[in-house]
Amino acid sequence: MSVLRLIQFTDLHLYRDADQTLRGIATLPALKAALADAQSGAWPPDLVLLSGDLVQDDAGGYAQVRAVFGALDLPIACIPGNHDEPHALRRELSAPPFISSGHIDIGHWRLVLLDSCQPGMASGHLSAATLSQLDAALATAPNRHCLITLHHQPVPMGSRWLDRVGLENAADFFSIIDRHRNVRAIVWGHVHQAYDGLRKGVRLLATPSTCAQFVPHADEFAIDRRPPAYRTLELQSDGGLLTEVVWVEKRSAGSSASVCSAA
């Protein structure tokens, strides 16, 4: 497999009630519109990634996740966000095609799934056990390129309120990343906006929500008027990465593509 294709959906914020809204947006129809848009393009991907906040503090929403993604006949990697209930997520999304912990080897790549949630907190933290698992996952994949996913942002977003609820022990996280030369990219959700950066040759990517977005670089919480979105990733056998953020209602005018060569 020379190119591995992923599609990332994040911050779905689903409820048991299919008509429930969040900040004026019916979250389930918004997700279905994003999925339909993805299916109208280069479909199917090799894997779908759901990077947290699958539900909005409502474990009944996991039934909606199963209904939407369970019938796709694709591996679905999912991690919890601060609005998820991690134990309920793993209980409800434990059977194939869902994968909710550990790592996934596919093609020339290893996808490492991290749980950055801490009970009752909006900010994130990686436990000592999780950091050890990350170190081991990277150490045991010397001949693979690695993509790491977590929910909370490990770098500042330049937004005063949002940076208070990022990954609290990012220094510990990056101390492990810096010890391994096979990490190509880190991708997350949580911030409800797009971000594309580079740190020591590692691509840093945040993906907007399938429902409401946050205004970038805002000191206080504010909702953006941008539409729902998702991210496509093409992971190449040499470690290169091609990625695009697709804004569902403005695809022709509002999507942005960028390329990163092998590190």
Protein backbone atom coordinates (compact mmCIF):
# COMPACT_ATOMS: atom_id res chain seq x y z
CA MET A 1 0.00 0.00 0.00
CA SER A 2 1.87 3.09 -1.25
CA VAL A 3 -0.64 5.65 0.07
CA LEU A 4 -2.77 5.30 3.21
CA ARG A 5 -5.91 7.43 3.19
CA LEU A 6 -7.57 8.60 6.42
CA ILE A 7 -10.54 10.84 7.09
CA GLN A 8 -10.76 12.56 10.47
CA PHE A 9 -14.04 13.68 12.01
CA THR A 10 -13.83 15.34 15.40
CA ASP A 11 -15.95 16.99 18.07
CA LEU A 12 -19.23 15.45 16.91
CA HIS A 13 -21.03 16.31 20.18
CA LEU A 14 -23.86 13.84 19.59
CA TYR A 15 -26.82 13.20 21.87
CA ARG A 16 -29.22 10.30 22.32
CA ASP A 17 -31.89 12.58 20.82
CA ALA A 18 -31.23 12.92 17.10
CA ASP A 19 -32.77 16.42 17.06
CA GLN A 20 -30.71 17.87 19.92
CA THR A 21 -28.75 21.03 19.13
CA LEU A 22 -25.50 22.51 20.40
CA ARG A 23 -24.96 26.25 20.01
CA GLY A 24 -27.78 26.36 17.51
CA ILE A 25 -26.56 23.45 15.36
CA ALA A 26 -28.29 20.06 15.19
CA THR A 27 -25.17 17.95 15.66
CA LEU A 28 -26.31 14.66 14.11
CA PRO A 29 -27.52 16.17 10.79
CA ALA A 30 -24.32 18.23 10.65
CA LEU A 31 -22.23 15.08 11.05
CA LYS A 32 -24.25 13.24 8.42
CA ALA A 33 -23.74 16.14 6.01
CA ALA A 34 -19.97 16.01 6.61
CA LEU A 35 -19.92 12.25 6.05
CA ALA A 36 -22.00 12.58 2.88
CA ASP A 37 -19.59 15.21 1.59
CA ALA A 38 -16.64 12.90 2.26
CA GLN A 39 -18.42 10.03 0.53
CA SER A 40 -18.96 12.20 -2.55
CA GLY A 41 -15.19 12.47 -2.99
CA ALA A 42 -12.41 9.87 -2.98
CA TRP A 43 -14.17 7.15 -1.02
CA PRO A 44 -13.55 4.85 0.75
CA PRO A 45 -10.58 5.76 2.94
CA ASP A 46 -8.49 3.05 4.57
CA LEU A 47 -9.50 4.23 8.04
CA VAL A 48 -11.79 6.76 9.72
CA LEU A 49 -10.51 8.64 12.78
CA LEU A 50 -12.87 10.08 15.42
CA SER A 51 -10.71 12.26 17.68
CA GLY A 52 -12.85 12.94 20.71
CA ASP A 53 -15.98 14.63 22.00
CA LEU A 54 -18.01 12.03 20.16
CA VAL A 55 -20.91 12.90 22.49
CA GLN A 56 -21.98 15.96 24.46
CA ASP A 57 -22.00 14.62 28.03
CA ASP A 58 -24.61 12.04 26.99
CA ALA A 59 -23.55 8.40 26.80
CA GLY A 60 -26.74 7.71 24.84
CA GLY A 61 -25.06 9.44 21.93
CA TYR A 62 -22.75 6.48 21.35
CA ALA A 63 -25.69 4.65 19.80
CA GLN A 64 -25.72 7.39 17.17
CA VAL A 65 -21.98 6.89 16.59
CA ARG A 66 -22.57 3.17 16.03
CA ALA A 67 -25.46 3.86 13.68
CA VAL A 68 -23.55 6.38 11.55
CA PHE A 69 -20.14 4.69 11.36
CA GLY A 70 -20.79 1.04 12.16
CA ALA A 71 -22.22 0.23 8.74
CA LEU A 72 -19.35 1.71 6.71
CA ASP A 73 -17.35 -1.55 6.62
CA LEU A 74 -14.19 0.39 7.51
CA PRO A 75 -11.95 0.41 10.59
CA ILE A 76 -13.06 3.27 12.87
CA ALA A 77 -10.42 4.50 15.33
CA CYS A 78 -11.89 6.56 18.17
CA ILE A 79 -10.51 8.30 21.25
CA PRO A 80 -12.33 10.17 24.03
CA GLY A 81 -12.56 13.92 24.55
CA ASN A 82 -13.48 15.91 27.64
CA HIS A 83 -17.22 15.67 26.85
CA ASP A 84 -17.02 11.89 26.47
CA GLU A 85 -17.36 9.24 29.15
CA PRO A 86 -14.24 7.15 28.43
CA HIS A 87 -15.51 3.98 30.11
CA ALA A 88 -18.84 4.21 28.31
CA LEU A 89 -17.08 4.93 25.01
CA ARG A 90 -14.93 1.82 25.29
CA ARG A 91 -17.91 -0.26 26.39
CA GLU A 92 -20.21 0.94 23.61
CA LEU A 93 -17.56 1.08 20.87
CA SER A 94 -15.52 -2.00 21.75
CA ALA A 95 -16.54 -4.33 18.92
CA PRO A 96 -15.34 -4.17 15.31
CA PRO A 97 -15.19 -2.01 13.30
CA PHE A 98 -14.36 0.26 16.27
CA ILE A 99 -10.87 0.49 17.79
CA SER A 100 -10.65 2.65 20.90
CA SER A 101 -7.19 2.11 22.39
CA GLY A 102 -3.63 1.07 21.66
CA HIS A 103 -2.19 1.44 18.18
CA ILE A 104 -3.01 0.37 14.65
CA ASP A 105 -0.50 -0.82 12.06
CA ILE A 106 -1.62 -0.28 8.51
CA GLY A 107 0.57 -0.04 5.45
CA HIS A 108 3.87 1.66 6.27
CA TRP A 109 2.34 3.54 9.20
CA ARG A 110 1.47 3.12 12.87
CA LEU A 111 -1.44 5.16 14.26
CA VAL A 112 -1.11 5.68 18.04
CA LEU A 113 -4.32 6.41 19.96
CA LEU A 114 -3.95 8.44 23.18
CA ASP A 115 -6.50 9.22 25.90
CA SER A 116 -5.77 12.75 27.18
CA CYS A 117 -8.94 13.12 29.27
CA GLN A 118 -9.14 13.69 33.00
CA PRO A 119 -12.43 13.34 34.90
CA GLY A 120 -14.39 16.53 35.40
CA MET A 121 -11.83 18.72 33.62
CA ALA A 122 -11.92 20.50 30.28
CA SER A 123 -8.11 20.45 30.06
CA GLY A 124 -6.12 17.38 29.15
CA HIS A 125 -3.43 15.31 30.83
CA LEU A 126 -1.54 12.20 29.77
CA SER A 127 -1.09 9.76 32.65
CA ALA A 128 2.27 8.16 33.40
CA ALA A 129 0.91 4.87 32.07
CA THR A 130 -0.25 6.52 28.83
CA LEU A 131 3.12 8.21 28.35
CA SER A 132 4.83 4.86 28.88
CA GLN A 133 2.53 3.24 26.33
CA LEU A 134 3.33 6.01 23.84
CA ASP A 135 7.06 5.51 24.34
CA ALA A 136 6.69 1.76 23.82
CA ALA A 137 4.49 2.18 20.73
CA LEU A 138 7.09 4.40 19.09
CA ALA A 139 10.06 2.27 20.18
CA THR A 140 8.55 -0.91 18.75
CA ALA A 141 7.87 0.62 15.32
CA PRO A 142 11.38 1.46 14.07
CA ASN A 143 10.48 0.66 10.47
CA ARG A 144 7.15 2.49 10.42
CA HIS A 145 6.15 6.13 10.18
CA CYS A 146 4.01 7.16 13.16
CA LEU A 147 0.94 9.37 13.38
CA ILE A 148 -0.20 10.24 16.91
CA THR A 149 -3.71 11.34 17.77
CA LEU A 150 -5.08 12.79 21.00
CA HIS A 151 -7.98 15.10 21.79
CA HIS A 152 -6.30 18.06 23.53
CA GLN A 153 -3.93 20.45 21.81
CA PRO A 154 -0.28 20.00 22.86
CA VAL A 155 0.77 23.47 21.64
CA PRO A 156 -0.67 26.96 22.29
CA MET A 157 -3.35 28.08 19.86
CA GLY A 158 -2.88 31.80 20.53
CA SER A 159 -6.29 31.99 22.18
CA ARG A 160 -6.24 32.97 25.86
CA TRP A 161 -9.31 31.04 26.99
CA LEU A 162 -8.60 27.98 24.86
CA ASP A 163 -4.98 27.70 25.90
CA ARG A 164 -6.14 27.26 29.50
CA VAL A 165 -7.76 23.95 28.55
CA GLY A 166 -5.04 22.36 26.44
CA LEU A 167 -2.71 19.48 27.32
CA GLU A 168 -1.32 20.29 30.76
CA ASN A 169 1.80 18.11 30.54
CA ALA A 170 2.76 18.86 26.96
CA ALA A 171 6.44 19.03 27.94
CA ASP A 172 6.32 15.40 29.10
CA PHE A 173 4.58 14.44 25.86
CA PHE A 174 7.13 16.18 23.65
CA SER A 175 10.07 14.78 25.61
CA ILE A 176 8.96 11.35 24.37
CA ILE A 177 8.27 12.54 20.83
CA ASP A 178 11.74 14.06 20.65
CA ARG A 179 13.36 10.73 21.51
CA HIS A 180 11.95 9.01 18.43
CA ARG A 181 12.74 9.78 14.81
CA ASN A 182 9.74 7.97 13.33
CA VAL A 183 7.03 10.46 14.38
CA ARG A 184 5.71 12.27 11.32
CA ALA A 185 2.54 13.98 12.55
CA ILE A 186 0.32 14.71 15.56
CA VAL A 187 -3.37 15.39 15.00
CA TRP A 188 -6.02 16.52 17.47
CA GLY A 189 -9.48 18.02 17.89
CA HIS A 190 -10.89 20.00 20.87
CA VAL A 191 -10.13 23.46 19.47
CA HIS A 192 -12.91 23.62 16.85
CA GLN A 193 -10.65 25.30 14.31
CA ALA A 194 -7.93 24.46 11.81
CA TYR A 195 -4.24 24.59 12.65
CA ASP A 196 -1.19 23.49 10.69
CA GLY A 197 2.28 23.83 12.18
CA LEU A 198 5.66 22.18 12.27
CA ARG A 199 7.85 21.36 15.27
CA LYS A 200 11.25 19.71 14.84
CA GLY A 201 10.10 18.17 11.57
CA VAL A 202 6.82 16.83 13.03
CA ARG A 203 3.58 18.08 11.48
CA LEU A 204 1.08 19.51 13.99
CA LEU A 205 -2.57 19.46 12.87
CA ALA A 206 -5.81 20.56 14.50
CA THR A 207 -9.11 19.83 12.81
CA PRO A 208 -12.37 21.79 13.01
CA SER A 209 -15.57 20.27 14.37
CA THR A 210 -18.35 18.59 12.45
CA CYS A 211 -20.66 21.13 14.16
CA ALA A 212 -19.81 24.61 15.56
CA GLN A 213 -16.38 26.29 15.34
CA PHE A 214 -14.51 28.63 17.72
CA VAL A 215 -13.16 32.01 16.65
CA PRO A 216 -9.35 31.68 16.33
CA HIS A 217 -7.06 33.87 18.47
CA ALA A 218 -9.95 35.05 20.67
CA ASP A 219 -9.27 36.08 24.27
CA GLU A 220 -12.76 34.99 25.35
CA PHE A 221 -15.01 32.16 24.20
CA ALA A 222 -16.67 33.02 20.87
CA ILE A 223 -18.40 31.01 18.15
CA ASP A 224 -17.14 31.34 14.59
CA ARG A 225 -19.47 31.46 11.60
CA ARG A 226 -17.48 28.91 9.64
CA PRO A 227 -19.36 25.75 8.64
CA PRO A 228 -18.78 22.14 9.76
CA ALA A 229 -15.60 20.50 8.52
CA TYR A 230 -13.44 17.39 8.45
CA ARG A 231 -9.86 16.55 7.46
CA THR A 232 -8.47 14.18 4.85
CA LEU A 233 -4.96 12.76 5.18
CA GLU A 234 -2.88 10.88 2.64
CA LEU A 235 0.03 9.14 4.36
CA GLN A 236 2.72 8.16 1.89
CA SER A 237 5.09 5.23 2.11
CA ASP A 238 8.14 7.53 2.42
CA GLY A 239 6.63 9.39 5.40
CA GLY A 240 5.26 12.28 3.40
CA LEU A 241 1.82 13.64 4.21
CA LEU A 242 -0.83 15.42 2.15
CA THR A 243 -3.73 16.87 4.09
CA GLU A 244 -6.80 19.00 3.46
CA VAL A 245 -9.39 20.61 5.71
CA VAL A 246 -12.75 20.45 3.97
CA TRP A 247 -15.38 23.03 4.96
CA VAL A 248 -18.59 21.26 4.13
CA GLU A 249 -20.75 24.17 2.96
CA LYS A 250 -17.94 26.05 1.26
CA ARG A 251 -15.78 23.35 -0.24
CA SER A 252 -14.88 25.20 -3.46
CA ALA A 253 -13.95 28.43 -1.69
CA GLY A 254 -13.05 27.45 1.84
CA SER A 255 -10.88 24.33 1.82
CA SER A 256 -7.13 24.44 2.11
CA ALA A 257 -4.61 21.83 1.05
CA SER A 258 -0.95 21.52 1.95
CA VAL A 259 1.87 19.06 1.48
CA CYS A 260 4.66 17.92 3.77
CA SER A 261 7.60 15.92 2.46
CA ALA A 262 9.19 13.11 4.42
CA ALA A 263 11.05 14.17 7.56
